[in-house]
C-alpha cells in the first residue's frame, strides 16, 4: 500500500482507544472490549489498546474485565477449544515482552499476564502506565491493553485523540449527550 501511495505519507497501524463512561452498561462494555482487544491475539490494526474508564466505575470494570480476560484458552488455533492462538512468531511475542517490561520500568502495573511463552502471549492488562511508554504511544499489535482512569469526559477524549494513529475509537455510554459530545 505504501508503494502505491507514491509520495503521500501513509501510516499503517493502530493504537485504538475506547472510553467507558460512568453511565455505560459495564457488562456489555466488558464483553465487547474483551473481543476487540484479544481476538486474533490482538494482531489486528484496530484492536483496542487503550481503555479510558470513568473513575466511578473503574473498580467494577476492572473486576469484570480481568475475570473475562482470564477466561480465553491459549493454544493451537486448529483446536476448536482454543480462543487465542500464538502471535505471528516468537519475535513478535518477544517484542511485546520488551514493551511490557519497559512499561513496568517506568511505573506501569501488570494486572494480568505480561509474560511471553514462546510465540504465545496471553491477555495482558496494564495500568498506571505513563503515556510515554511504547505500549501507550505505539501500536502494540498484541493481546495487550492499558487502562486509564478519568473523571472528566473531555480529558478522556483528549487523551484518546493523543495518538499518531487514528484508525478507530469508541465510547460506551448510555448518556446520549455524552455520545454526541465525543463526535
Protein backbone atom coordinates (compact mmCIF):
# COMPACT_ATOMS: atom_id res chain seq x y z
CA UNK A 1 0.00 0.00 0.00
CA UNK A 2 2.84 2.38 0.80
CA UNK A 3 4.41 1.78 -2.61
CA UNK A 4 1.14 2.51 -4.42
CA UNK A 5 0.58 5.71 -2.45
CA UNK A 6 3.57 7.38 -4.09
CA UNK A 7 4.69 10.48 -2.20
CA UNK A 8 1.69 10.50 0.10
CA UNK A 9 2.57 9.76 3.68
CA UNK A 10 0.90 6.51 4.76
CA UNK A 11 0.73 5.27 8.32
CA UNK A 12 -0.24 1.66 8.84
CA UNK A 13 -1.01 0.71 12.38
CA UNK A 14 -3.34 1.44 15.21
CA UNK A 15 -3.47 2.44 18.83
CA UNK A 16 -7.22 2.22 19.24
CA UNK A 17 -8.95 3.77 22.21
CA UNK A 18 -12.24 3.15 23.87
CA UNK A 19 -13.94 5.22 26.55
CA UNK A 20 -16.17 3.65 29.20
CA UNK A 21 -18.40 6.37 30.60
CA UNK A 22 -19.89 6.05 34.08
CA UNK A 23 -23.35 5.62 32.51
CA UNK A 24 -22.25 2.65 30.40
CA UNK A 25 -23.64 -0.86 30.71
CA UNK A 26 -20.44 -2.34 32.17
CA UNK A 27 -21.28 -5.96 31.32
CA UNK A 28 -21.87 -5.07 27.68
CA UNK A 29 -18.75 -2.88 27.53
CA UNK A 30 -16.56 -5.59 29.04
CA UNK A 31 -17.85 -8.23 26.64
CA UNK A 32 -17.23 -6.05 23.57
CA UNK A 33 -13.85 -4.74 24.72
CA UNK A 34 -12.57 -8.24 25.51
CA UNK A 35 -13.35 -9.23 21.93
CA UNK A 36 -11.92 -6.01 20.50
CA UNK A 37 -8.71 -6.32 22.47
CA UNK A 38 -7.88 -10.01 22.43
CA UNK A 39 -9.41 -11.54 19.28
CA UNK A 40 -6.72 -12.79 16.90
CA UNK A 41 -4.18 -12.34 19.71
CA UNK A 42 -4.61 -8.59 19.35
CA UNK A 43 -2.92 -8.75 15.94
CA UNK A 44 -5.44 -6.54 14.17
CA UNK A 45 -4.76 -2.90 13.30
CA UNK A 46 -7.94 -1.77 15.03
CA UNK A 47 -7.55 -3.86 18.19
CA UNK A 48 -8.47 -2.00 21.35
CA UNK A 49 -5.26 -1.00 23.08
CA UNK A 50 -6.08 1.97 25.33
CA UNK A 51 -9.13 1.91 27.62
CA UNK A 52 -10.27 5.07 29.40
CA UNK A 53 -12.65 4.24 32.25
CA UNK A 54 -14.56 6.71 34.41
CA UNK A 55 -13.20 6.57 37.97
CA UNK A 56 -16.71 5.95 39.37
CA UNK A 57 -16.92 2.59 37.57
CA UNK A 58 -13.22 1.66 37.42
CA UNK A 59 -13.29 -0.96 40.17
CA UNK A 60 -16.35 -2.72 38.76
CA UNK A 61 -14.99 -2.55 35.23
CA UNK A 62 -11.56 -3.93 36.19
CA UNK A 63 -13.03 -6.77 38.26
CA UNK A 64 -15.21 -7.90 35.35
CA UNK A 65 -12.65 -7.21 32.63
CA UNK A 66 -9.80 -9.09 34.33
CA UNK A 67 -12.11 -12.00 35.13
CA UNK A 68 -13.15 -12.10 31.48
CA UNK A 69 -9.56 -11.82 30.25
CA UNK A 70 -8.60 -14.86 32.34
CA UNK A 71 -11.18 -16.97 30.51
CA UNK A 72 -9.81 -17.46 26.99
CA UNK A 73 -7.88 -20.68 26.35
CA UNK A 74 -4.49 -20.26 24.68
CA UNK A 75 -3.42 -22.97 22.30
CA UNK A 76 -3.29 -24.42 18.84
CA UNK A 77 -5.53 -22.37 16.55
CA UNK A 78 -6.62 -25.58 14.80
CA UNK A 79 -8.09 -26.86 18.09
CA UNK A 80 -11.76 -25.77 18.29
CA UNK A 81 -11.36 -25.29 22.06
CA UNK A 82 -8.70 -22.60 21.53
CA UNK A 83 -9.74 -18.99 21.94
CA UNK A 84 -6.36 -17.30 21.48
CA UNK A 85 -3.61 -18.69 19.29
CA UNK A 86 0.04 -17.78 19.05
CA UNK A 87 1.36 -14.48 17.84
CA UNK A 88 2.70 -14.37 14.29
CA UNK A 89 6.10 -15.55 15.53
CA UNK A 90 8.33 -15.70 18.59
CA UNK A 91 9.95 -12.38 17.64
CA UNK A 92 6.54 -10.64 17.92
CA UNK A 93 5.94 -12.16 21.35
CA UNK A 94 9.41 -11.06 22.47
CA UNK A 95 8.82 -7.51 21.19
CA UNK A 96 5.61 -7.44 23.23
CA UNK A 97 7.52 -8.68 26.27
CA UNK A 98 10.04 -5.87 25.82
CA UNK A 99 7.25 -3.29 25.67
CA UNK A 100 5.62 -4.66 28.82
CA UNK A 101 8.99 -4.67 30.58
CA UNK A 102 9.57 -1.05 29.53
CA UNK A 103 6.10 -0.06 30.80
CA UNK A 104 6.83 -1.66 34.17
CA UNK A 105 10.26 0.00 34.34
CA UNK A 106 8.63 3.44 34.03
CA UNK A 107 5.96 2.73 36.65
CA UNK A 108 3.30 0.64 34.93
CA UNK A 109 1.50 -2.12 36.80
CA UNK A 110 0.74 -5.51 35.27
CA UNK A 111 -2.74 -6.50 36.46
CA UNK A 112 -2.86 -9.65 34.32
CA UNK A 113 -0.50 -11.53 32.01
CA UNK A 114 2.60 -9.78 30.77
CA UNK A 115 4.77 -12.80 30.04
CA UNK A 116 5.75 -14.36 26.73
CA UNK A 117 5.87 -18.14 26.38
CA UNK A 118 7.50 -18.90 23.05
CA UNK A 119 5.22 -17.36 20.43
CA UNK A 120 2.31 -17.16 22.88
CA UNK A 121 1.39 -14.04 24.79
CA UNK A 122 -1.69 -14.23 26.97
CA UNK A 123 -4.18 -11.41 27.50
CA UNK A 124 -2.35 -8.62 29.30
CA UNK A 125 -3.80 -5.71 31.26
CA UNK A 126 -1.63 -2.79 32.34
CA UNK A 127 -2.46 0.25 34.46
CA UNK A 128 -0.66 3.32 35.82
CA UNK A 129 1.50 3.33 32.71
CA UNK A 130 2.94 6.70 31.69
CA UNK A 131 1.73 7.77 28.26
CA UNK A 132 5.33 7.99 27.02
CA UNK A 133 5.69 4.21 27.27
CA UNK A 134 5.64 2.47 23.90
CA UNK A 135 2.58 0.42 24.87
CA UNK A 136 0.70 3.73 25.10
CA UNK A 137 2.18 5.62 22.18
CA UNK A 138 2.78 2.93 19.53
CA UNK A 139 0.81 0.07 18.09
CA UNK A 140 1.18 -2.99 20.32
CA UNK A 141 -0.22 -5.46 17.75
CA UNK A 142 -0.60 -7.87 20.65
CA UNK A 143 -3.20 -9.03 23.19
CA UNK A 144 -2.41 -6.09 25.44
CA UNK A 145 -4.43 -3.19 26.84
CA UNK A 146 -3.57 -0.22 29.01
CA UNK A 147 -6.30 1.10 31.30
CA UNK A 148 -6.51 4.76 32.35
CA UNK A 149 -8.96 6.37 34.79
CA UNK A 150 -10.70 9.65 34.04
CA UNK A 151 -13.18 11.95 35.78
CA UNK A 152 -13.87 14.45 33.00
CA UNK A 153 -15.07 13.15 29.63
CA UNK A 154 -13.28 15.99 27.81
CA UNK A 155 -9.98 14.80 29.27
CA UNK A 156 -10.67 11.21 28.19
CA UNK A 157 -11.45 12.35 24.64
CA UNK A 158 -8.29 14.48 24.54
CA UNK A 159 -6.19 11.52 25.68
CA UNK A 160 -7.88 9.15 23.22
CA UNK A 161 -7.06 11.64 20.47
CA UNK A 162 -3.44 11.91 21.58
CA UNK A 163 -2.18 9.33 19.14
CA UNK A 164 -0.26 9.29 15.91
CA UNK A 165 -2.70 6.64 14.73
CA UNK A 166 -6.39 7.25 14.12
CA UNK A 167 -7.92 4.09 12.73
CA UNK A 168 -10.73 3.62 15.26
CA UNK A 169 -12.10 4.72 18.60
CA UNK A 170 -15.31 4.17 20.51
CA UNK A 171 -17.33 5.08 23.56
CA UNK A 172 -19.60 3.05 25.79
CA UNK A 173 -22.24 5.33 27.30
CA UNK A 174 -25.95 5.33 27.98
CA UNK A 175 -25.94 9.13 28.06
CA UNK A 176 -26.96 10.46 24.65
CA UNK A 177 -25.49 13.89 25.40
CA UNK A 178 -22.08 12.31 26.07
CA UNK A 179 -22.31 10.23 22.90
CA UNK A 180 -22.99 13.35 20.86
CA UNK A 181 -20.30 15.31 22.71
CA UNK A 182 -17.49 12.97 21.60
CA UNK A 183 -18.31 13.00 17.89
